[in-house]
Protein backbone atom coordinates (compact mmCIF):
# COMPACT_ATOMS: atom_id res chain seq x y z
CA MET A 1 -9.72 134.84 80.84
CA ARG A 2 -11.80 132.05 81.99
CA ARG A 3 -15.41 132.52 82.88
CA ASN A 4 -16.81 130.45 85.61
CA PHE A 5 -20.49 129.82 85.00
CA ARG A 6 -22.40 128.33 87.83
CA ARG A 7 -25.40 126.49 86.71
CA GLY A 8 -28.07 125.76 89.23
CA VAL A 9 -31.76 125.36 89.54
CA THR A 10 -33.54 128.53 88.64
CA PRO A 11 -36.44 129.66 90.79
CA ALA A 12 -38.87 129.00 87.92
CA LEU A 13 -37.64 125.42 87.48
CA ALA A 14 -37.75 124.78 91.24
CA THR A 15 -41.34 126.04 91.35
CA MET A 16 -42.34 123.77 88.46
CA ILE A 17 -40.76 120.72 90.14
CA LEU A 18 -42.49 121.52 93.43
CA LEU A 19 -45.88 121.99 91.74
CA THR A 20 -45.48 118.75 89.76
CA ALA A 21 -44.60 116.77 92.90
CA THR A 22 -47.57 118.27 94.74
CA LEU A 23 -49.91 117.42 91.86
CA VAL A 24 -48.69 113.81 91.66
CA LEU A 25 -49.00 113.37 95.42
CA SER A 26 -52.53 114.80 95.44
CA LEU A 27 -53.54 112.48 92.58
CA VAL A 28 -52.22 109.44 94.47
CA VAL A 29 -54.05 110.44 97.67
CA GLY A 30 -57.23 111.22 95.72
CA ALA A 31 -57.10 107.90 93.86
CA TYR A 32 -56.65 106.01 97.11
CA THR A 33 -59.54 107.73 98.84
CA SER A 34 -61.84 107.20 95.85
CA SER A 35 -61.27 103.42 95.89
CA LEU A 36 -58.91 103.17 92.95
CA PHE A 37 -56.37 101.15 94.90
CA ARG A 38 -58.78 99.12 97.01
CA PRO A 39 -61.93 97.17 96.17
CA ASN A 40 -64.62 99.57 95.02
CA VAL A 41 -67.48 97.32 96.07
CA ASN A 42 -68.47 98.01 99.65
CA GLN A 43 -69.50 94.81 101.32
CA VAL A 44 -73.13 93.99 102.03
CA GLN A 45 -73.36 93.23 105.74
CA LEU A 46 -75.65 90.80 107.51
CA VAL A 47 -77.20 92.85 110.31
CA SER A 48 -79.41 90.11 111.72
CA ALA A 49 -80.60 86.59 110.97
CA LEU A 50 -83.24 84.69 112.93
CA LEU A 51 -84.53 81.21 112.15
CA TYR A 52 -87.84 80.22 113.71
CA ASP A 53 -88.72 76.56 114.14
CA GLY A 54 -91.67 74.84 112.55
CA GLU A 55 -92.67 73.04 109.39
CA THR A 56 -91.57 74.01 105.93
CA GLY A 57 -94.35 74.65 103.45
CA ASP A 58 -94.70 72.83 100.14
CA ASN A 59 -96.12 75.93 98.36
CA ILE A 60 -99.02 73.78 97.08
CA SER A 61 -101.26 72.96 100.01
CA SER A 62 -99.24 73.01 103.25
CA PRO A 63 -98.48 76.42 104.77
CA ALA A 64 -95.09 77.02 106.39
CA SER A 65 -94.83 77.64 110.11
CA ALA A 66 -91.02 77.99 110.02
CA SER A 67 -89.49 81.26 108.87
CA LEU A 68 -86.17 83.00 108.34
CA THR A 69 -85.76 86.73 108.92
CA ILE A 70 -82.63 88.32 107.48
CA ILE A 71 -81.65 91.97 107.48
CA LEU A 72 -78.95 93.11 105.05
CA LYS A 73 -77.21 96.49 105.06
CA ASN A 74 -76.00 97.57 101.62
CA PRO A 75 -73.75 100.66 101.55
CA ASP A 76 -73.10 100.37 97.80
CA LEU A 77 -75.08 99.84 94.58
CA ALA A 78 -78.25 97.76 94.55
CA THR A 79 -77.76 94.03 94.13
CA ASN A 80 -79.91 90.89 94.22
CA ILE A 81 -79.92 87.72 96.24
CA THR A 82 -79.22 85.05 93.64
CA SER A 83 -79.49 82.09 96.00
CA LEU A 84 -80.20 81.30 99.63
CA LYS A 85 -79.43 77.85 100.96
CA LEU A 86 -80.08 76.33 104.39
CA THR A 87 -78.36 73.04 105.21
CA ASP A 88 -78.04 70.63 108.08
CA PRO A 89 -76.69 67.08 108.21
CA ALA A 90 -80.16 65.90 109.28
CA LEU A 91 -81.78 67.36 106.14
CA THR A 92 -82.04 64.98 103.21
CA SER A 93 -81.47 67.91 100.84
CA PRO A 94 -80.73 71.60 101.44
CA ILE A 95 -83.55 74.13 101.47
CA VAL A 96 -83.08 76.38 98.44
CA SER A 97 -86.65 77.56 97.74
CA TRP A 98 -88.12 80.44 99.71
CA SER A 99 -91.48 82.18 99.57
CA LEU A 100 -92.56 85.58 100.82
CA THR A 101 -95.80 84.26 102.31
CA PRO A 102 -96.43 81.25 104.52
CA ARG A 103 -99.34 80.10 102.36
CA PRO A 104 -99.27 79.03 98.74
CA GLN A 105 -99.74 82.03 96.52
CA PRO A 106 -98.82 82.82 92.91
CA ASN A 107 -95.65 84.84 92.39
CA ASN A 108 -94.49 84.58 96.00
CA SER A 109 -90.99 83.20 95.39
CA LEU A 110 -88.01 85.18 96.67
CA LEU A 111 -86.09 84.72 93.44
CA VAL A 112 -88.70 86.04 90.95
CA SER A 113 -90.24 89.40 90.08
CA GLY A 114 -87.59 91.49 91.87
CA HIS A 115 -88.51 90.28 95.37
CA ASN A 116 -84.81 89.63 96.00
CA ILE A 117 -83.46 93.20 95.62
CA VAL A 118 -81.06 94.43 98.28
CA VAL A 119 -81.64 98.18 98.07
CA ALA A 120 -78.67 100.52 97.52
CA GLY A 121 -77.48 102.63 100.45
CA SER A 122 -80.08 101.13 102.74
CA THR A 123 -81.01 98.28 105.05
CA THR A 124 -83.35 95.68 103.59
CA SER A 125 -85.34 93.19 105.64
CA PHE A 126 -86.63 89.86 104.33
CA VAL A 127 -89.08 87.52 106.07
CA LEU A 128 -88.89 84.24 104.20
CA TYR A 129 -90.69 80.93 104.49
CA PRO A 130 -88.85 77.72 103.55
CA VAL A 131 -90.35 75.60 100.78
CA GLN A 132 -89.58 71.87 100.74
CA ASN A 133 -91.59 69.02 99.29
CA PRO A 134 -92.19 66.82 101.22
CA THR A 135 -92.37 69.16 104.17
CA ILE A 136 -89.87 68.81 107.01
CA ASN A 137 -89.62 70.09 110.56
CA LEU A 138 -86.97 72.61 111.61
CA ALA A 139 -86.57 71.80 115.28
CA VAL A 140 -85.93 74.23 118.14
CA GLY A 141 -82.23 74.19 119.03
CA GLY A 142 -81.22 72.71 115.69
CA THR A 143 -78.13 74.28 114.11
CA TYR A 144 -78.42 75.12 110.43
CA GLN A 145 -75.83 76.56 108.07
CA TYR A 146 -76.91 79.32 105.71
CA PHE A 147 -75.30 80.52 102.51
CA VAL A 148 -76.47 83.72 100.76
CA GLN A 149 -75.10 84.44 97.27
CA LEU A 150 -75.43 87.99 95.88
CA ALA A 151 -75.35 89.16 92.26
CA ASN A 152 -72.33 91.39 92.98
CA GLY A 153 -70.25 88.25 93.61
CA GLN A 154 -70.31 88.46 97.38
CA SER A 155 -71.46 85.61 99.60
CA ILE A 156 -72.47 85.62 103.23
CA SER A 157 -72.50 82.42 105.31
CA GLY A 158 -72.76 81.28 108.87
CA ALA A 159 -74.76 79.18 111.28
CA LEU A 160 -78.14 79.73 112.93
CA ILE A 161 -79.83 78.01 115.84
CA ALA A 162 -83.58 77.62 115.37
CA GLN A 163 -85.59 79.52 117.98
């Protein structure tokens, strides 16, 4: 007498396989939505940039009449501006020094004392005055390239026309 045993998937084993597949799928979807499979640094965005014509200051005796207003939106962790450069073929050297006031004043540099913080989860506005010695004129209608480097490794660049 020959017994014919049919082996198949038991209901308990089928349930375990289904639960395991569901768990793995939910982990993959959860990892994707929590930035595991894409960059986890949300990009700082340049909301606005305006360059106003005038003279640069020398931060010793000559006040600046030119200014740069930039507004940055930061959806992620706080970061700092590590450098800000303004160039133009007509400039003998790029403008890399910026003050927070048009007149000479101690501790008014953008890149010292935490003046360069781009606040987390917020929009931060900077009104900056170019420092160049000897002073130079930023003319109305002149096109200038800007380059902003952030501590999180991101950079923002483009061109501005002086107003």
